[in-house]
Amino acid sequence: MLSGLAREINKIDRLLDYSYLQNNILLPAIRFALEREYVTDYEFKILEMAIRKKIIRAKDLEIIFSGKSPSEISRIIRRLKEKKMLMPSKEKARKYVIRFENNYLLRAIIEVLDKEGFLPIPVDK
C-alpha cells in the first residue's frame, strides 16, 4: 500500500514541476489537438506561446501575426477567449493564460495524461 501511495505522490510531484508539465503534458496535448485538427495552425502557435511564456499579451502575438494590426490581433484573442482556449490572467487584465476548458483541448489533455500513466483506467480509443 505504501509503494502505491509513493507512486501517486511522485505523479503529483511531476505535475507540480512546470518544466515536466510543459514538456510532457501541455505541449504534447496541443500537438495532439493540432494533429486531429481540433485547433488551427495559428491557434496552435498562440497556445504554444502561452504555454512557454505562461502569460502572453497581444503585443507578443505580433511575432506570429506580422503585418496584422493591433485590432486584428485583439479580435483573434477575443475568438480564443470565446472558444475557451485563453482567459485573462486576472479579471479585466489584458494579459492571457491558456485555458483547457475547451472540449477539444480537454480531450487532448486526457489523452496525454493517459499516455503518461496518470489515469487509473486507460481511456477507450
Protein backbone atom coordinates (compact mmCIF):
# COMPACT_ATOMS: atom_id res chain seq x y z
CA MET A 1 0.00 0.00 0.00
CA LEU A 2 2.81 2.41 0.83
CA SER A 3 4.53 1.83 -2.50
CA GLY A 4 1.27 2.71 -4.28
CA LEU A 5 0.96 5.86 -2.23
CA ALA A 6 4.58 6.77 -3.04
CA ARG A 7 3.86 6.31 -6.78
CA GLU A 8 0.86 8.65 -6.57
CA ILE A 9 2.84 11.28 -4.65
CA ASN A 10 5.58 11.03 -7.30
CA LYS A 11 2.97 11.67 -10.02
CA ILE A 12 1.76 14.76 -8.20
CA ASP A 13 5.33 15.99 -7.79
CA ARG A 14 5.91 15.63 -11.53
CA LEU A 15 2.78 17.63 -12.32
CA LEU A 16 3.88 20.39 -9.96
CA ASP A 17 7.17 20.73 -11.88
CA TYR A 18 6.24 23.21 -14.63
CA SER A 19 9.06 22.06 -16.89
CA TYR A 20 7.70 18.48 -16.78
CA LEU A 21 4.12 19.68 -17.14
CA GLN A 22 5.01 21.89 -20.10
CA ASN A 23 7.11 19.36 -21.99
CA ASN A 24 5.29 16.14 -21.20
CA ILE A 25 1.65 17.16 -20.84
CA LEU A 26 0.71 20.61 -22.17
CA LEU A 27 2.80 20.84 -25.36
CA PRO A 28 2.01 17.24 -26.41
CA ALA A 29 -1.68 17.94 -25.74
CA ILE A 30 -1.82 20.91 -28.09
CA ARG A 31 0.23 18.95 -30.69
CA PHE A 32 -2.37 16.17 -30.37
CA ALA A 33 -5.11 18.78 -30.89
CA LEU A 34 -3.32 20.14 -33.96
CA GLU A 35 -2.81 16.67 -35.46
CA ARG A 36 -6.52 15.92 -35.04
CA GLU A 37 -7.34 19.37 -36.47
CA TYR A 38 -9.11 20.40 -33.25
CA VAL A 39 -7.11 23.64 -33.46
CA THR A 40 -5.77 25.62 -36.41
CA ASP A 41 -2.08 26.21 -37.02
CA TYR A 42 -2.41 29.79 -35.75
CA GLU A 43 -4.30 28.68 -32.64
CA PHE A 44 -1.58 26.11 -32.01
CA LYS A 45 1.15 28.76 -32.27
CA ILE A 46 -0.70 31.07 -29.87
CA LEU A 47 -1.35 28.27 -27.37
CA GLU A 48 2.24 27.11 -27.63
CA MET A 49 3.43 30.64 -26.86
CA ALA A 50 1.03 30.83 -23.91
CA ILE A 51 2.39 27.57 -22.51
CA ARG A 52 6.03 28.56 -22.96
CA LYS A 53 5.65 32.11 -21.62
CA LYS A 54 2.85 31.29 -19.12
CA ILE A 55 1.33 34.75 -19.69
CA ILE A 56 1.00 36.47 -23.07
CA ARG A 57 -0.09 39.89 -24.26
CA ALA A 58 -1.44 40.96 -27.63
CA LYS A 59 1.94 42.54 -28.38
CA ASP A 60 3.59 39.10 -28.03
CA LEU A 61 1.47 37.81 -30.89
CA GLU A 62 2.90 40.32 -33.35
CA ILE A 63 5.66 37.76 -34.00
CA ILE A 64 3.08 35.23 -35.19
CA PHE A 65 0.86 37.75 -36.98
CA SER A 66 3.35 40.07 -38.61
CA GLY A 67 1.55 42.69 -40.67
CA LYS A 68 -1.72 42.43 -38.74
CA SER A 69 -2.99 45.48 -36.92
CA PRO A 70 -3.42 45.51 -33.13
CA SER A 71 -7.20 45.49 -33.59
CA GLU A 72 -6.99 42.32 -35.74
CA ILE A 73 -4.84 40.64 -33.09
CA SER A 74 -7.36 41.69 -30.43
CA ARG A 75 -10.13 40.02 -32.45
CA ILE A 76 -8.07 36.82 -32.66
CA ILE A 77 -7.61 36.87 -28.89
CA ARG A 78 -11.31 37.51 -28.38
CA ARG A 79 -12.15 34.46 -30.54
CA LEU A 80 -9.78 32.29 -28.48
CA LYS A 81 -11.41 33.57 -25.30
CA GLU A 82 -14.85 32.73 -26.73
CA LYS A 83 -13.59 29.24 -27.64
CA LYS A 84 -12.36 28.86 -24.03
CA MET A 85 -8.73 28.42 -25.09
CA LEU A 86 -7.43 31.63 -23.48
CA MET A 87 -8.53 33.62 -20.48
CA PRO A 88 -7.38 36.81 -18.77
CA SER A 89 -4.67 36.21 -16.17
CA LYS A 90 -6.71 38.41 -13.80
CA GLU A 91 -10.16 39.94 -14.10
CA LYS A 92 -10.20 42.60 -16.86
CA ALA A 93 -6.45 42.12 -17.49
CA ARG A 94 -5.01 42.36 -20.97
CA LYS A 95 -2.64 39.51 -20.25
CA TYR A 96 -3.77 35.98 -21.03
CA VAL A 97 -3.11 32.40 -19.97
CA ILE A 98 -4.03 29.16 -21.65
CA ARG A 99 -7.37 27.65 -20.69
CA PHE A 100 -8.21 23.98 -21.13
CA GLU A 101 -11.95 24.31 -20.70
CA ASN A 102 -12.41 23.93 -24.46
CA ASN A 103 -13.80 20.46 -25.14
CA TYR A 104 -11.15 19.63 -27.77
CA LEU A 105 -8.23 20.79 -25.63
CA LEU A 106 -9.62 18.89 -22.66
CA ARG A 107 -9.80 15.72 -24.78
CA ALA A 108 -6.17 16.22 -25.76
CA ILE A 109 -5.10 16.69 -22.12
CA ILE A 110 -6.91 13.50 -21.09
CA GLU A 111 -5.28 11.59 -23.95
CA VAL A 112 -1.79 12.74 -22.93
CA LEU A 113 -2.41 12.14 -19.21
CA ASP A 114 -3.50 8.60 -20.09
CA LYS A 115 -0.39 8.06 -22.22
CA GLU A 116 1.81 9.31 -19.36
CA GLY A 117 0.15 6.91 -16.88
CA PHE A 118 -1.74 9.50 -14.83
CA LEU A 119 -5.19 7.99 -15.30
CA PRO A 120 -6.16 4.93 -13.27
CA ILE A 121 -8.09 3.33 -16.12
CA PRO A 122 -6.94 3.54 -19.77
CA VAL A 123 -9.14 5.75 -21.94
CA ASP A 124 -11.03 3.87 -24.66
CA LYS A 125 -9.95 4.93 -28.10
